[in-house]
Amino acid sequence: MDILLAEKIQNPKGVQFENENPGLIGALKEVTSWNSFAESLVQQFYKRGTLSEKQTFAAVAMLAKIKAKKANRDEAPEIDLSNIIAMFSKAHEAIKTPKFRYDDLVISRAPDTGVNAGALYVKVTGEYAGKVKEGKWFGSQNILPKLQEIASNPLESAVAYGRKTGNCACCGRDLTRHDSIERGIGPICAERFGL
């Protein structure tokens, strides 16, 4: 237990709060390095020796959500996403922010600046569903079957998308040339993505 927490527990409010909510402040402290809301709650506790009922409820709910996400990630089966990563590495040589479409998924490369530089973001019908970072999937497990389909054969996935929608899986443009329509992907995108 750190000194500041020990001092607060000497405070009658702090002792009562810790007795009513055992381990809550400690659990919040564990996530303060990346969670500003948790950090603000810990600071409030240090300042007042307690948290309001709403703050306590929000803290418990947030920690439960974090725990559930971690459990979901821990249970995730390992899948080989190397073909998707290779496809985006090749495309990034020619395109600043490459994208790949398949069914209702859109995979895009994160900018080279920021916390997730080089990661791949996955959206489903426009909503963020997770990311591929350092070869691992962090996100909804419901997406894994589609990612596995793409990873097993990116060209086949691109062709299936192009034939189904009439648009290129990579650039999203209408396929207008006869050979592109037949192939299901535009020749420039096929070359850029290594397909």
N, C-alpha and C. Protein backbone atom coordinates (compact mmCIF):
# COMPACT_ATOMS: atom_id res chain seq x y z
N MET A 1 0.86 -1.17 0.00
CA MET A 1 0.00 0.00 0.00
C MET A 1 0.90 1.23 0.00
N ASP A 2 0.62 2.21 -0.86
CA ASP A 2 1.49 3.37 -0.90
C ASP A 2 1.19 4.33 0.26
N ILE A 3 2.11 5.26 0.47
CA ILE A 3 2.02 6.16 1.63
C ILE A 3 0.77 7.02 1.58
N LEU A 4 0.46 7.60 0.39
CA LEU A 4 -0.72 8.45 0.30
C LEU A 4 -1.99 7.67 0.61
N LEU A 5 -2.10 6.45 0.11
CA LEU A 5 -3.27 5.63 0.40
C LEU A 5 -3.33 5.31 1.89
N ALA A 6 -2.18 5.00 2.49
CA ALA A 6 -2.14 4.71 3.93
C ALA A 6 -2.59 5.93 4.72
N GLU A 7 -2.16 7.12 4.30
CA GLU A 7 -2.59 8.35 4.98
C GLU A 7 -4.09 8.54 4.87
N LYS A 8 -4.66 8.27 3.70
CA LYS A 8 -6.10 8.45 3.52
C LYS A 8 -6.87 7.45 4.37
N ILE A 9 -6.31 6.25 4.51
CA ILE A 9 -7.02 5.25 5.29
C ILE A 9 -7.02 5.64 6.77
N GLN A 10 -6.03 6.43 7.18
CA GLN A 10 -6.04 6.94 8.56
C GLN A 10 -7.19 7.93 8.73
N ASN A 11 -7.57 8.59 7.65
CA ASN A 11 -8.70 9.50 7.65
C ASN A 11 -9.96 8.66 7.83
N PRO A 12 -10.84 9.00 8.76
CA PRO A 12 -12.04 8.19 8.99
C PRO A 12 -12.89 7.96 7.73
N LYS A 13 -13.00 8.99 6.88
CA LYS A 13 -13.75 8.82 5.63
C LYS A 13 -13.08 7.78 4.74
N GLY A 14 -11.74 7.86 4.66
CA GLY A 14 -10.99 6.93 3.82
C GLY A 14 -11.12 5.50 4.32
N VAL A 15 -11.08 5.32 5.64
CA VAL A 15 -11.22 3.99 6.23
C VAL A 15 -12.60 3.43 5.92
N GLN A 16 -13.62 4.26 6.11
CA GLN A 16 -14.99 3.82 5.86
C GLN A 16 -15.17 3.45 4.38
N PHE A 17 -14.65 4.31 3.49
CA PHE A 17 -14.78 4.05 2.06
C PHE A 17 -14.09 2.74 1.70
N GLU A 18 -12.87 2.53 2.19
CA GLU A 18 -12.12 1.30 1.89
C GLU A 18 -12.85 0.08 2.44
N ASN A 19 -13.47 0.20 3.61
CA ASN A 19 -14.22 -0.92 4.18
C ASN A 19 -15.46 -1.25 3.34
N GLU A 20 -16.12 -0.22 2.83
CA GLU A 20 -17.33 -0.42 2.02
C GLU A 20 -17.00 -0.85 0.59
N ASN A 21 -15.83 -0.49 0.10
CA ASN A 21 -15.42 -0.77 -1.29
C ASN A 21 -14.00 -1.34 -1.31
N PRO A 22 -13.81 -2.51 -0.74
CA PRO A 22 -12.45 -3.05 -0.62
C PRO A 22 -11.79 -3.25 -2.00
N GLY A 23 -10.56 -2.74 -2.10
CA GLY A 23 -9.76 -2.93 -3.31
C GLY A 23 -10.10 -2.01 -4.47
N LEU A 24 -11.13 -1.19 -4.34
CA LEU A 24 -11.55 -0.34 -5.47
C LEU A 24 -10.47 0.67 -5.84
N ILE A 25 -9.94 1.39 -4.86
CA ILE A 25 -8.94 2.40 -5.16
C ILE A 25 -7.67 1.74 -5.72
N GLY A 26 -7.29 0.61 -5.17
CA GLY A 26 -6.12 -0.12 -5.68
C GLY A 26 -6.31 -0.55 -7.13
N ALA A 27 -7.51 -1.03 -7.46
CA ALA A 27 -7.81 -1.45 -8.84
C ALA A 27 -7.79 -0.25 -9.78
N LEU A 28 -8.30 0.88 -9.31
CA LEU A 28 -8.26 2.10 -10.14
C LEU A 28 -6.83 2.53 -10.39
N LYS A 29 -5.99 2.44 -9.34
CA LYS A 29 -4.59 2.86 -9.47
C LYS A 29 -3.86 2.02 -10.52
N GLU A 30 -4.25 0.76 -10.66
CA GLU A 30 -3.58 -0.11 -11.63
C GLU A 30 -3.79 0.33 -13.08
N VAL A 31 -4.85 1.08 -13.34
CA VAL A 31 -5.14 1.48 -14.73
C VAL A 31 -4.93 2.97 -14.98
N THR A 32 -4.42 3.71 -13.98
CA THR A 32 -4.25 5.16 -14.14
C THR A 32 -3.23 5.54 -15.21
N SER A 33 -2.30 4.64 -15.53
CA SER A 33 -1.28 4.99 -16.53
C SER A 33 -1.88 5.19 -17.91
N TRP A 34 -3.04 4.58 -18.18
CA TRP A 34 -3.64 4.72 -19.51
C TRP A 34 -5.11 5.14 -19.46
N ASN A 35 -5.66 5.34 -18.25
CA ASN A 35 -7.07 5.69 -18.13
C ASN A 35 -7.20 6.97 -17.31
N SER A 36 -7.48 8.08 -17.98
CA SER A 36 -7.54 9.38 -17.30
C SER A 36 -8.72 9.47 -16.33
N PHE A 37 -9.81 8.77 -16.61
CA PHE A 37 -10.95 8.79 -15.69
C PHE A 37 -10.58 8.12 -14.37
N ALA A 38 -9.90 6.99 -14.44
CA ALA A 38 -9.44 6.31 -13.22
C ALA A 38 -8.49 7.21 -12.45
N GLU A 39 -7.62 7.89 -13.16
CA GLU A 39 -6.67 8.80 -12.50
C GLU A 39 -7.41 9.92 -11.78
N SER A 40 -8.45 10.47 -12.40
CA SER A 40 -9.20 11.56 -11.75
C SER A 40 -9.94 11.05 -10.51
N LEU A 41 -10.43 9.82 -10.56
CA LEU A 41 -11.11 9.26 -9.39
C LEU A 41 -10.14 9.04 -8.23
N VAL A 42 -8.94 8.54 -8.54
CA VAL A 42 -7.94 8.33 -7.50
C VAL A 42 -7.56 9.68 -6.88
N GLN A 43 -7.39 10.70 -7.70
CA GLN A 43 -7.07 12.04 -7.19
C GLN A 43 -8.19 12.56 -6.29
N GLN A 44 -9.44 12.33 -6.69
CA GLN A 44 -10.58 12.75 -5.86
C GLN A 44 -10.54 12.04 -4.51
N PHE A 45 -10.21 10.75 -4.54
CA PHE A 45 -10.13 9.99 -3.28
C PHE A 45 -9.04 10.56 -2.38
N TYR A 46 -7.88 10.87 -2.96
CA TYR A 46 -6.80 11.44 -2.17
C TYR A 46 -7.17 12.80 -1.59
N LYS A 47 -7.94 13.56 -2.36
CA LYS A 47 -8.32 14.91 -1.94
C LYS A 47 -9.38 14.87 -0.83
N ARG A 48 -10.41 14.02 -1.01
CA ARG A 48 -11.56 14.04 -0.09
C ARG A 48 -11.64 12.82 0.83
N GLY A 49 -10.89 11.79 0.54
CA GLY A 49 -10.96 10.58 1.35
C GLY A 49 -12.14 9.69 1.02
N THR A 50 -12.86 10.03 -0.04
CA THR A 50 -14.02 9.25 -0.45
C THR A 50 -14.38 9.57 -1.90
N LEU A 51 -15.29 8.82 -2.44
CA LEU A 51 -15.87 9.10 -3.76
C LEU A 51 -17.37 9.18 -3.58
N SER A 52 -18.02 9.95 -4.45
CA SER A 52 -19.48 10.03 -4.38
C SER A 52 -20.08 8.69 -4.81
N GLU A 53 -21.36 8.54 -4.56
CA GLU A 53 -22.05 7.31 -4.95
C GLU A 53 -21.98 7.10 -6.46
N LYS A 54 -22.18 8.19 -7.22
CA LYS A 54 -22.12 8.09 -8.69
C LYS A 54 -20.72 7.73 -9.16
N GLN A 55 -19.71 8.35 -8.55
CA GLN A 55 -18.33 8.05 -8.93
C GLN A 55 -17.99 6.59 -8.63
N THR A 56 -18.43 6.12 -7.48
CA THR A 56 -18.17 4.73 -7.10
C THR A 56 -18.84 3.78 -8.08
N PHE A 57 -20.10 4.06 -8.42
CA PHE A 57 -20.82 3.22 -9.39
C PHE A 57 -20.11 3.22 -10.74
N ALA A 58 -19.69 4.41 -11.20
CA ALA A 58 -19.00 4.52 -12.49
C ALA A 58 -17.67 3.77 -12.45
N ALA A 59 -16.96 3.85 -11.33
CA ALA A 59 -15.67 3.17 -11.20
C ALA A 59 -15.86 1.65 -11.25
N VAL A 60 -16.84 1.15 -10.53
CA VAL A 60 -17.10 -0.30 -10.51
C VAL A 60 -17.50 -0.78 -11.91
N ALA A 61 -18.36 -0.02 -12.58
CA ALA A 61 -18.81 -0.39 -13.93
C ALA A 61 -17.64 -0.38 -14.91
N MET A 62 -16.80 0.64 -14.81
CA MET A 62 -15.66 0.75 -15.72
C MET A 62 -14.68 -0.41 -15.49
N LEU A 63 -14.39 -0.72 -14.24
CA LEU A 63 -13.46 -1.82 -13.95
C LEU A 63 -14.02 -3.16 -14.41
N ALA A 64 -15.33 -3.35 -14.29
CA ALA A 64 -15.96 -4.59 -14.76
C ALA A 64 -15.82 -4.70 -16.28
N LYS A 65 -16.00 -3.58 -16.97
CA LYS A 65 -15.88 -3.57 -18.43
C LYS A 65 -14.44 -3.88 -18.86
N ILE A 66 -13.47 -3.30 -18.16
CA ILE A 66 -12.07 -3.56 -18.45
C ILE A 66 -11.76 -5.04 -18.23
N LYS A 67 -12.26 -5.58 -17.13
CA LYS A 67 -12.02 -6.99 -16.80
C LYS A 67 -12.63 -7.91 -17.87
N ALA A 68 -13.86 -7.58 -18.32
CA ALA A 68 -14.53 -8.39 -19.34
C ALA A 68 -13.77 -8.35 -20.66
N LYS A 69 -13.27 -7.16 -21.05
CA LYS A 69 -12.51 -7.04 -22.29
C LYS A 69 -11.22 -7.85 -22.20
N LYS A 70 -10.56 -7.78 -21.06
CA LYS A 70 -9.32 -8.53 -20.88
C LYS A 70 -9.59 -10.03 -20.96
N ALA A 71 -10.65 -10.48 -20.32
CA ALA A 71 -11.00 -11.90 -20.36
C ALA A 71 -11.31 -12.34 -21.78
N ASN A 72 -12.02 -11.48 -22.51
CA ASN A 72 -12.37 -11.78 -23.90
C ASN A 72 -11.10 -11.90 -24.74
N ARG A 73 -10.14 -10.99 -24.53
CA ARG A 73 -8.86 -11.05 -25.26
C ARG A 73 -8.07 -12.29 -24.88
N ASP A 74 -8.05 -12.59 -23.58
CA ASP A 74 -7.29 -13.74 -23.12
C ASP A 74 -7.82 -15.05 -23.68
N GLU A 75 -9.13 -15.12 -23.92
CA GLU A 75 -9.74 -16.33 -24.45
C GLU A 75 -9.65 -16.42 -25.96
N ALA A 76 -9.20 -15.36 -26.60
CA ALA A 76 -9.17 -15.33 -28.06
C ALA A 76 -8.20 -16.37 -28.60
N PRO A 77 -8.67 -17.13 -29.58
CA PRO A 77 -7.76 -18.11 -30.19
C PRO A 77 -6.70 -17.38 -31.01
N GLU A 78 -5.54 -17.96 -31.07
CA GLU A 78 -4.47 -17.39 -31.89
C GLU A 78 -4.79 -17.67 -33.35
N ILE A 79 -4.74 -16.64 -34.17
CA ILE A 79 -4.95 -16.84 -35.60
C ILE A 79 -3.79 -16.20 -36.35
N ASP A 80 -3.48 -16.77 -37.49
CA ASP A 80 -2.38 -16.28 -38.31
C ASP A 80 -2.89 -15.16 -39.22
N LEU A 81 -2.48 -13.94 -38.90
CA LEU A 81 -2.90 -12.78 -39.69
C LEU A 81 -1.76 -12.27 -40.58
N SER A 82 -0.73 -13.08 -40.74
CA SER A 82 0.46 -12.64 -41.47
C SER A 82 0.16 -12.25 -42.92
N ASN A 83 -0.78 -12.91 -43.58
CA ASN A 83 -1.11 -12.54 -44.97
C ASN A 83 -1.74 -11.16 -45.06
N ILE A 84 -2.57 -10.83 -44.08
CA ILE A 84 -3.19 -9.49 -44.06
C ILE A 84 -2.12 -8.45 -43.79
N ILE A 85 -1.26 -8.73 -42.82
CA ILE A 85 -0.18 -7.79 -42.48
C ILE A 85 0.74 -7.58 -43.67
N ALA A 86 1.10 -8.67 -44.35
CA ALA A 86 1.98 -8.57 -45.52
C ALA A 86 1.31 -7.76 -46.63
N MET A 87 0.01 -7.99 -46.83
CA MET A 87 -0.72 -7.26 -47.87
C MET A 87 -0.69 -5.75 -47.58
N PHE A 88 -0.89 -5.38 -46.33
CA PHE A 88 -0.88 -3.96 -45.98
C PHE A 88 0.52 -3.37 -46.01
N SER A 89 1.52 -4.15 -45.66
CA SER A 89 2.91 -3.67 -45.76
C SER A 89 3.25 -3.35 -47.20
N LYS A 90 2.88 -4.24 -48.11
CA LYS A 90 3.12 -4.02 -49.54
C LYS A 90 2.36 -2.79 -50.03
N ALA A 91 1.10 -2.68 -49.66
CA ALA A 91 0.27 -1.56 -50.11
C ALA A 91 0.79 -0.23 -49.56
N HIS A 92 1.31 -0.24 -48.34
CA HIS A 92 1.78 1.00 -47.72
C HIS A 92 3.00 1.58 -48.45
N GLU A 93 3.68 0.77 -49.23
CA GLU A 93 4.78 1.28 -50.03
C GLU A 93 4.29 2.29 -51.07
N ALA A 94 3.05 2.11 -51.53
CA ALA A 94 2.50 2.97 -52.59
C ALA A 94 1.37 3.88 -52.11
N ILE A 95 0.71 3.51 -51.01
CA ILE A 95 -0.47 4.24 -50.54
C ILE A 95 -0.26 4.62 -49.09
N LYS A 96 -0.52 5.87 -48.76
CA LYS A 96 -0.30 6.34 -47.38
C LYS A 96 -1.23 5.63 -46.39
N THR A 97 -2.51 5.55 -46.71
CA THR A 97 -3.48 4.90 -45.81
C THR A 97 -4.30 3.87 -46.57
N PRO A 98 -3.73 2.70 -46.81
CA PRO A 98 -4.46 1.67 -47.57
C PRO A 98 -5.67 1.14 -46.80
N LYS A 99 -6.66 0.70 -47.57
CA LYS A 99 -7.87 0.09 -47.00
C LYS A 99 -8.18 -1.19 -47.77
N PHE A 100 -8.85 -2.10 -47.09
CA PHE A 100 -9.29 -3.34 -47.72
C PHE A 100 -10.70 -3.63 -47.25
N ARG A 101 -11.59 -3.92 -48.19
CA ARG A 101 -12.99 -4.18 -47.87
C ARG A 101 -13.32 -5.65 -48.11
N TYR A 102 -14.12 -6.17 -47.20
CA TYR A 102 -14.60 -7.54 -47.36
C TYR A 102 -15.92 -7.66 -46.62
N ASP A 103 -16.95 -8.04 -47.33
CA ASP A 103 -18.28 -8.13 -46.74
C ASP A 103 -18.62 -6.79 -46.08
N ASP A 104 -18.89 -6.76 -44.77
CA ASP A 104 -19.20 -5.49 -44.10
C ASP A 104 -18.01 -4.95 -43.31
N LEU A 105 -16.82 -5.53 -43.54
CA LEU A 105 -15.60 -5.09 -42.86
C LEU A 105 -14.83 -4.10 -43.72
N VAL A 106 -14.17 -3.15 -43.05
CA VAL A 106 -13.18 -2.31 -43.71
C VAL A 106 -11.96 -2.32 -42.80
N ILE A 107 -10.85 -2.74 -43.36
CA ILE A 107 -9.59 -2.75 -42.63
C ILE A 107 -8.77 -1.58 -43.16
N SER A 108 -8.23 -0.78 -42.25
CA SER A 108 -7.41 0.36 -42.66
C SER A 108 -6.16 0.44 -41.81
N ARG A 109 -5.14 1.04 -42.36
CA ARG A 109 -3.86 1.16 -41.65
C ARG A 109 -3.88 2.42 -40.80
N ALA A 110 -3.44 2.27 -39.55
CA ALA A 110 -3.35 3.42 -38.64
C ALA A 110 -2.23 4.35 -39.12
N PRO A 111 -2.34 5.63 -38.81
CA PRO A 111 -1.28 6.57 -39.20
C PRO A 111 0.07 6.19 -38.57
N ASP A 112 1.14 6.68 -39.16
CA ASP A 112 2.48 6.37 -38.67
C ASP A 112 2.82 7.12 -37.38
N THR A 113 1.97 8.02 -36.96
CA THR A 113 2.18 8.72 -35.70
C THR A 113 1.10 8.25 -34.72
N GLY A 114 1.38 8.32 -33.46
CA GLY A 114 0.38 7.94 -32.46
C GLY A 114 0.70 6.60 -31.82
N VAL A 115 -0.14 6.23 -30.88
CA VAL A 115 0.06 5.03 -30.07
C VAL A 115 -0.01 3.76 -30.90
N ASN A 116 -0.87 3.73 -31.90
CA ASN A 116 -1.07 2.51 -32.69
C ASN A 116 -0.43 2.58 -34.07
N ALA A 117 0.68 3.26 -34.18
CA ALA A 117 1.35 3.42 -35.47
C ALA A 117 1.55 2.07 -36.15
N GLY A 118 1.06 2.00 -37.40
CA GLY A 118 1.22 0.78 -38.18
C GLY A 118 0.22 -0.32 -37.89
N ALA A 119 -0.61 -0.13 -36.88
CA ALA A 119 -1.65 -1.14 -36.58
C ALA A 119 -2.70 -1.11 -37.67
N LEU A 120 -3.53 -2.14 -37.71
CA LEU A 120 -4.63 -2.19 -38.67
C LEU A 120 -5.93 -2.09 -37.90
N TYR A 121 -6.75 -1.11 -38.24
CA TYR A 121 -8.05 -0.94 -37.60
C TYR A 121 -9.10 -1.68 -38.40
N VAL A 122 -10.05 -2.26 -37.71
CA VAL A 122 -11.13 -2.98 -38.37
C VAL A 122 -12.45 -2.36 -37.95
N LYS A 123 -13.24 -1.99 -38.95
CA LYS A 123 -14.59 -1.47 -38.69
C LYS A 123 -15.60 -2.41 -39.33
N VAL A 124 -16.75 -2.53 -38.67
CA VAL A 124 -17.86 -3.31 -39.21
C VAL A 124 -19.02 -2.34 -39.36
N THR A 125 -19.53 -2.25 -40.56
CA THR A 125 -20.57 -1.28 -40.91
C THR A 125 -20.29 0.10 -40.31
N GLY A 126 -19.03 0.52 -40.42
CA GLY A 126 -18.63 1.85 -39.99
C GLY A 126 -18.29 1.99 -38.51
N GLU A 127 -18.50 0.96 -37.71
CA GLU A 127 -18.22 1.02 -36.27
C GLU A 127 -16.93 0.28 -35.95
N TYR A 128 -16.11 0.89 -35.12
CA TYR A 128 -14.84 0.28 -34.71
C TYR A 128 -15.09 -1.06 -34.03
N ALA A 129 -14.37 -2.10 -34.47
CA ALA A 129 -14.54 -3.44 -33.90
C ALA A 129 -13.27 -3.98 -33.27
N GLY A 130 -12.11 -3.38 -33.59
CA GLY A 130 -10.86 -3.83 -33.01
C GLY A 130 -9.68 -3.47 -33.88
N LYS A 131 -8.52 -4.03 -33.49
CA LYS A 131 -7.31 -3.72 -34.24
C LYS A 131 -6.38 -4.94 -34.27
N VAL A 132 -5.53 -4.94 -35.29
CA VAL A 132 -4.45 -5.91 -35.39
C VAL A 132 -3.19 -5.13 -35.08
N LYS A 133 -2.52 -5.52 -34.01
CA LYS A 133 -1.29 -4.83 -33.62
C LYS A 133 -0.26 -5.88 -33.23
N GLU A 134 0.94 -5.73 -33.80
CA GLU A 134 2.04 -6.66 -33.55
C GLU A 134 1.61 -8.10 -33.81
N GLY A 135 0.81 -8.27 -34.85
CA GLY A 135 0.39 -9.60 -35.29
C GLY A 135 -0.75 -10.22 -34.50
N LYS A 136 -1.29 -9.49 -33.52
CA LYS A 136 -2.36 -10.04 -32.69
C LYS A 136 -3.65 -9.24 -32.85
N TRP A 137 -4.76 -9.92 -32.65
CA TRP A 137 -6.09 -9.31 -32.75
C TRP A 137 -6.53 -8.85 -31.37
N PHE A 138 -6.94 -7.58 -31.28
CA PHE A 138 -7.50 -7.00 -30.06
C PHE A 138 -8.87 -6.46 -30.42
N GLY A 139 -9.91 -7.19 -30.07
CA GLY A 139 -11.25 -6.73 -30.38
C GLY A 139 -12.28 -7.81 -30.29
N SER A 140 -13.41 -7.56 -30.90
CA SER A 140 -14.55 -8.47 -30.86
C SER A 140 -14.20 -9.82 -31.47
N GLN A 141 -14.52 -10.88 -30.76
CA GLN A 141 -14.24 -12.23 -31.25
C GLN A 141 -15.16 -12.61 -32.41
N ASN A 142 -16.27 -11.90 -32.57
CA ASN A 142 -17.22 -12.17 -33.67
C ASN A 142 -16.59 -11.92 -35.04
N ILE A 143 -15.54 -11.11 -35.07
CA ILE A 143 -14.90 -10.72 -36.33
C ILE A 143 -13.91 -11.78 -36.80
N LEU A 144 -13.44 -12.62 -35.90
CA LEU A 144 -12.37 -13.57 -36.24
C LEU A 144 -12.65 -14.45 -37.46
N PRO A 145 -13.86 -15.01 -37.62
CA PRO A 145 -14.07 -15.84 -38.81
C PRO A 145 -13.83 -15.08 -40.13
N LYS A 146 -14.26 -13.83 -40.20
CA LYS A 146 -14.05 -13.06 -41.43
C LYS A 146 -12.58 -12.72 -41.61
N LEU A 147 -11.89 -12.39 -40.51
CA LEU A 147 -10.46 -12.12 -40.62
C LEU A 147 -9.70 -13.37 -41.07
N GLN A 148 -10.13 -14.53 -40.57
CA GLN A 148 -9.50 -15.78 -40.99
C GLN A 148 -9.72 -16.05 -42.48
N GLU A 149 -10.93 -15.73 -42.97
CA GLU A 149 -11.21 -15.90 -44.40
C GLU A 149 -10.28 -15.04 -45.23
N ILE A 150 -10.14 -13.77 -44.82
CA ILE A 150 -9.26 -12.86 -45.56
C ILE A 150 -7.82 -13.35 -45.48
N ALA A 151 -7.38 -13.69 -44.26
CA ALA A 151 -5.99 -14.11 -44.06
C ALA A 151 -5.65 -15.39 -44.83
N SER A 152 -6.61 -16.28 -44.95
CA SER A 152 -6.33 -17.54 -45.65
C SER A 152 -6.09 -17.32 -47.14
N ASN A 153 -6.80 -16.32 -47.75
CA ASN A 153 -6.60 -16.04 -49.16
C ASN A 153 -7.07 -14.62 -49.48
N PRO A 154 -6.19 -13.64 -49.30
CA PRO A 154 -6.59 -12.24 -49.53
C PRO A 154 -7.11 -11.98 -50.95
N LEU A 155 -6.49 -12.59 -51.95
CA LEU A 155 -6.95 -12.38 -53.34
C LEU A 155 -8.36 -12.91 -53.52
N GLU A 156 -8.62 -14.09 -53.03
CA GLU A 156 -9.95 -14.68 -53.15
C GLU A 156 -11.00 -13.80 -52.45
N SER A 157 -10.64 -13.24 -51.30
CA SER A 157 -11.55 -12.35 -50.56
C SER A 157 -11.83 -11.08 -51.34
N ALA A 158 -10.76 -10.51 -51.95
CA ALA A 158 -10.91 -9.29 -52.75
C ALA A 158 -11.80 -9.55 -53.96
N VAL A 159 -11.58 -10.67 -54.62
CA VAL A 159 -12.37 -11.04 -55.80
C VAL A 159 -13.83 -11.25 -55.41
N ALA A 160 -14.07 -11.95 -54.31
CA ALA A 160 -15.45 -12.19 -53.85
C ALA A 160 -16.15 -10.87 -53.58
N TYR A 161 -15.46 -9.93 -52.93
CA TYR A 161 -16.04 -8.62 -52.65
C TYR A 161 -16.34 -7.88 -53.95
N GLY A 162 -15.37 -7.87 -54.87
CA GLY A 162 -15.55 -7.17 -56.14
C GLY A 162 -16.71 -7.71 -56.96
N ARG A 163 -16.84 -9.02 -57.00
CA ARG A 163 -17.92 -9.63 -57.78
C ARG A 163 -19.28 -9.40 -57.12
N LYS A 164 -19.30 -9.37 -55.80
CA LYS A 164 -20.56 -9.18 -55.08
C LYS A 164 -21.05 -7.73 -55.18
N THR A 165 -20.11 -6.76 -55.07
CA THR A 165 -20.51 -5.35 -54.99
C THR A 165 -20.30 -4.57 -56.28
N GLY A 166 -19.40 -5.07 -57.14
CA GLY A 166 -19.06 -4.31 -58.35
C GLY A 166 -18.02 -3.24 -58.06
N ASN A 167 -17.46 -3.24 -56.84
CA ASN A 167 -16.44 -2.28 -56.45
C ASN A 167 -15.14 -2.99 -56.12
N CYS A 168 -14.05 -2.29 -56.29
CA CYS A 168 -12.74 -2.84 -55.93
C CYS A 168 -12.63 -2.93 -54.41
N ALA A 169 -12.14 -4.05 -53.90
CA ALA A 169 -11.99 -4.25 -52.45
C ALA A 169 -10.95 -3.33 -51.85
N CYS A 170 -10.04 -2.82 -52.67
CA CYS A 170 -8.95 -2.00 -52.15
C CYS A 170 -9.25 -0.51 -52.20
N CYS A 171 -9.62 0.00 -53.36
CA CYS A 171 -9.86 1.45 -53.47
C CYS A 171 -11.34 1.81 -53.35
N GLY A 172 -12.22 0.84 -53.50
CA GLY A 172 -13.65 1.10 -53.34
C GLY A 172 -14.33 1.63 -54.59
N ARG A 173 -13.56 1.88 -55.65
CA ARG A 173 -14.14 2.43 -56.88
C ARG A 173 -14.91 1.37 -57.64
N ASP A 174 -15.84 1.86 -58.49
CA ASP A 174 -16.59 0.96 -59.37
C ASP A 174 -15.64 0.26 -60.32
N LEU A 175 -15.86 -1.03 -60.51
CA LEU A 175 -15.09 -1.77 -61.50
C LEU A 175 -15.80 -1.58 -62.84
N THR A 176 -15.14 -0.88 -63.77
CA THR A 176 -15.80 -0.53 -65.03
C THR A 176 -15.20 -1.27 -66.23
N ARG A 177 -13.93 -1.55 -66.17
CA ARG A 177 -13.30 -2.26 -67.30
C ARG A 177 -13.70 -3.72 -67.26
N HIS A 178 -13.90 -4.29 -68.44
CA HIS A 178 -14.36 -5.68 -68.54
C HIS A 178 -13.42 -6.64 -67.80
N ASP A 179 -12.10 -6.48 -67.99
CA ASP A 179 -11.16 -7.39 -67.33
C ASP A 179 -11.18 -7.23 -65.80
N SER A 180 -11.40 -6.01 -65.32
CA SER A 180 -11.49 -5.77 -63.87
C SER A 180 -12.75 -6.39 -63.29
N ILE A 181 -13.85 -6.23 -64.01
CA ILE A 181 -15.13 -6.81 -63.56
C ILE A 181 -15.00 -8.33 -63.49
N GLU A 182 -14.40 -8.89 -64.52
CA GLU A 182 -14.23 -10.34 -64.56
C GLU A 182 -13.31 -10.84 -63.46
N ARG A 183 -12.25 -10.08 -63.23
CA ARG A 183 -11.27 -10.46 -62.21
C ARG A 183 -11.77 -10.14 -60.80
N GLY A 184 -12.63 -9.12 -60.65
CA GLY A 184 -13.15 -8.74 -59.34
C GLY A 184 -12.29 -7.77 -58.58
N ILE A 185 -11.23 -7.27 -59.22
CA ILE A 185 -10.33 -6.29 -58.60
C ILE A 185 -9.62 -5.52 -59.70
N GLY A 186 -9.36 -4.25 -59.45
CA GLY A 186 -8.65 -3.44 -60.43
C GLY A 186 -7.18 -3.82 -60.51
N PRO A 187 -6.56 -3.71 -61.69
CA PRO A 187 -5.17 -4.15 -61.87
C PRO A 187 -4.16 -3.33 -61.05
N ILE A 188 -4.39 -2.04 -60.90
CA ILE A 188 -3.46 -1.20 -60.13
C ILE A 188 -3.50 -1.61 -58.66
N CYS A 189 -4.69 -1.78 -58.12
CA CYS A 189 -4.81 -2.19 -56.71
C CYS A 189 -4.25 -3.59 -56.51
N ALA A 190 -4.49 -4.48 -57.43
CA ALA A 190 -3.97 -5.84 -57.32
C ALA A 190 -2.44 -5.81 -57.20
N GLU A 191 -1.80 -4.94 -58.01
CA GLU A 191 -0.35 -4.82 -57.96
C GLU A 191 0.09 -4.17 -56.66
N ARG A 192 -0.56 -3.08 -56.27
CA ARG A 192 -0.17 -2.37 -55.04
C ARG A 192 -0.30 -3.23 -53.79
N PHE A 193 -1.33 -4.06 -53.74
CA PHE A 193 -1.57 -4.90 -52.57
C PHE A 193 -0.90 -6.26 -52.67
N GLY A 194 -0.23 -6.49 -53.79
CA GLY A 194 0.46 -7.76 -53.97
C GLY A 194 -0.49 -8.94 -54.15
N LEU A 195 -1.63 -8.67 -54.79
CA LEU A 195 -2.65 -9.73 -54.97
C LEU A 195 -2.63 -10.29 -56.38
